[in-house]
Protein backbone atom coordinates (compact mmCIF):
# COMPACT_ATOMS: atom_id res chain seq x y z
CA UNK A 1 42.97 19.49 -18.96
CA UNK A 2 42.07 16.37 -17.63
CA UNK A 3 39.10 14.22 -17.99
CA UNK A 4 39.08 12.75 -14.44
CA UNK A 5 36.14 13.39 -12.62
CA UNK A 6 36.02 15.70 -9.78
CA UNK A 7 34.19 16.46 -6.81
CA UNK A 8 32.41 19.53 -7.93
CA UNK A 9 31.09 17.38 -10.81
CA UNK A 10 29.01 15.44 -8.79
CA UNK A 11 25.63 15.03 -8.11
CA UNK A 12 23.76 16.69 -5.12
CA UNK A 13 23.29 13.86 -2.82
CA UNK A 14 22.62 13.62 1.10
CA UNK A 15 25.72 12.45 2.89
CA UNK A 16 25.84 9.29 5.32
CA UNK A 17 29.08 9.02 6.95
CA UNK A 18 30.34 6.64 9.35
CA UNK A 19 33.56 7.27 11.89
CA UNK A 20 35.17 4.32 13.24
CA UNK A 21 38.69 5.81 13.86
CA UNK A 22 40.59 9.32 15.01
CA UNK A 23 40.46 10.58 10.95
CA UNK A 24 36.92 9.69 10.46
CA UNK A 25 35.80 11.90 13.65
CA UNK A 26 38.19 14.70 12.15
CA UNK A 27 35.95 14.61 8.59
CA UNK A 28 32.62 14.68 10.63
CA UNK A 29 33.94 17.53 12.66
CA UNK A 30 34.53 19.03 9.64
CA UNK A 31 31.39 18.79 8.00
CA UNK A 32 29.28 19.90 11.35
CA UNK A 33 30.95 22.97 12.32
CA UNK A 34 28.67 25.99 12.79
CA UNK A 35 25.93 23.57 12.63
CA UNK A 36 23.13 24.54 14.53
CA UNK A 37 20.56 23.04 16.83
CA UNK A 38 17.87 23.85 19.34
CA UNK A 39 18.87 22.16 22.54
CA UNK A 40 15.28 20.20 22.32
CA UNK A 41 16.70 18.25 19.51
CA UNK A 42 19.39 16.98 21.91
CA UNK A 43 18.36 13.24 22.88
CA UNK A 44 20.48 11.04 25.31
CA UNK A 45 18.58 7.11 25.30
CA UNK A 46 20.88 5.54 28.25
CA UNK A 47 19.02 2.31 27.66
CA UNK A 48 20.27 2.45 23.88
CA UNK A 49 23.49 3.57 24.78
CA UNK A 50 22.70 6.50 21.93
CA UNK A 51 23.30 10.11 21.89
CA UNK A 52 22.05 12.00 18.94
CA UNK A 53 21.37 15.90 17.74
CA UNK A 54 19.38 16.88 15.00
CA UNK A 55 21.10 19.56 13.37
CA UNK A 56 20.93 21.98 10.80
CA UNK A 57 24.59 21.86 8.94
CA UNK A 58 26.31 24.32 6.65
CA UNK A 59 27.12 22.36 3.51
CA UNK A 60 31.05 23.20 3.87
CA UNK A 61 31.61 20.06 0.97
CA UNK A 62 30.00 22.39 -1.25
CA UNK A 63 30.99 26.03 -0.37
CA UNK A 64 33.62 26.16 -2.89
CA UNK A 65 31.52 25.35 -5.71
CA UNK A 66 28.06 27.98 -4.57
CA UNK A 67 30.81 30.62 -4.34
CA UNK A 68 32.52 29.97 -7.62
CA UNK A 69 29.33 30.06 -9.36
CA UNK A 70 27.94 32.67 -7.58
CA UNK A 71 24.95 30.69 -5.76
CA UNK A 72 23.56 30.61 -2.67
CA UNK A 73 25.19 28.72 0.28
CA UNK A 74 23.19 25.91 1.62
CA UNK A 75 22.30 23.95 4.76
CA UNK A 76 20.76 20.45 5.27
CA UNK A 77 19.03 19.04 7.98
CA UNK A 78 21.26 16.26 9.40
CA UNK A 79 21.66 13.82 12.35
CA UNK A 80 24.39 13.65 14.19
CA UNK A 81 24.69 9.95 16.42
CA UNK A 82 26.80 8.64 18.91
CA UNK A 83 26.63 5.03 19.74
CA UNK A 84 27.93 2.86 22.62
CA UNK A 85 27.73 6.00 25.03
CA UNK A 86 28.14 5.34 28.72
CA UNK A 87 27.67 9.19 30.01
CA UNK A 88 26.61 12.25 28.83
CA UNK A 89 27.48 15.69 30.57
CA UNK A 90 27.16 19.03 29.65
CA UNK A 91 28.92 22.12 30.69
CA UNK A 92 26.99 25.91 29.58
CA UNK A 93 24.16 24.30 28.24
CA UNK A 94 20.64 25.25 29.51
CA UNK A 95 18.34 22.29 29.12
CA UNK A 96 15.28 23.35 30.37
CA UNK A 97 14.52 25.62 27.41
CA UNK A 98 14.19 23.69 24.29
CA UNK A 99 13.88 26.55 22.06
CA UNK A 100 17.53 27.75 22.67
CA UNK A 101 19.39 27.43 19.63
CA UNK A 102 23.32 25.98 19.99
CA UNK A 103 26.07 26.23 17.65
CA UNK A 104 28.55 23.60 17.34
CA UNK A 105 31.94 24.72 16.82
CA UNK A 106 34.01 21.05 16.51
CA UNK A 107 33.66 17.64 17.87
CA UNK A 108 36.73 16.16 19.61
CA UNK A 109 37.97 12.37 20.07
CA UNK A 110 40.19 11.70 23.28
CA UNK A 111 41.12 8.48 23.40
CA UNK A 112 41.34 6.23 26.40
CA UNK A 113 42.00 2.51 27.32
CA UNK A 114 41.36 -0.16 25.18
CA UNK A 115 39.36 1.71 22.24
CA UNK A 116 37.51 3.53 24.71
CA UNK A 117 37.28 7.35 25.24
CA UNK A 118 35.73 10.71 25.29
CA UNK A 119 34.09 12.98 22.90
CA UNK A 120 33.71 16.27 23.48
CA UNK A 121 31.58 18.62 21.48
CA UNK A 122 32.58 22.07 21.41
CA UNK A 123 29.58 24.55 21.70
CA UNK A 124 29.71 28.67 20.99
CA UNK A 125 30.01 30.61 23.90
CA UNK A 126 31.94 27.92 26.18
CA UNK A 127 29.74 25.17 26.11
CA UNK A 128 30.62 21.46 25.44
CA UNK A 129 28.95 18.13 25.63
CA UNK A 130 31.13 15.41 26.76
CA UNK A 131 30.04 11.90 26.15
CA UNK A 132 32.17 9.04 27.54
CA UNK A 133 32.00 6.11 25.11
CA UNK A 134 33.51 2.39 24.79
CA UNK A 135 34.65 2.98 20.98
CA UNK A 136 34.43 5.45 17.91
CA UNK A 137 31.12 4.95 16.77
CA UNK A 138 29.43 8.01 15.26
CA UNK A 139 27.38 8.55 12.01
CA UNK A 140 26.30 11.44 10.33
CA UNK A 141 23.41 11.31 7.68
CA UNK A 142 21.51 14.06 5.97
CA UNK A 143 18.02 13.89 6.61
CA UNK A 144 16.41 16.56 4.11
CA UNK A 145 17.33 18.00 0.95
CA UNK A 146 19.86 20.77 1.16
CA UNK A 147 17.97 24.37 1.38
CA UNK A 148 19.16 27.98 0.90
CA UNK A 149 21.11 28.97 4.15
CA UNK A 150 18.62 31.73 5.94
CA UNK A 151 21.51 34.05 6.24
CA UNK A 152 22.56 33.71 2.94
CA UNK A 153 26.33 33.69 4.19
CA UNK A 154 28.81 31.32 4.68
CA UNK A 155 29.95 31.11 8.43
CA UNK A 156 32.84 33.47 9.31
CA UNK A 157 35.14 33.19 12.83
CA UNK A 158 36.96 36.09 13.70
CA UNK A 159 40.43 35.99 14.65
């Protein structure tokens, strides 16, 4: 057996990641899959050119270890922020009721010219958020300690 360190041996630490290219976006997308957030926690700041979500993300990076040790699955509150945003549009999102809870399924990057492009945040139930941006400039940062997932289950997706 090797003495090399493994991810599973590390301490539970809050995530703090930055995406600057398409591969980085895929990593962040995998970590925010099945995150939930009330519509009221979706903020667009045009003067700062920033769009952010305060979400409750499932801790996918720890799910295998929790399953192996028969421990409770966890979530953490996190901020997913997009900078250098020029425009924001939504589809299937009722912004009049800030308590409606949305579920984020994935984040897609569609490159354009000169580093600009479009992010599409795909929501459960045919909703979407589109962000026209000057470049890939995304951060994901946990802002609380992990807590036991209220459902006690790992999210699943029927085929």
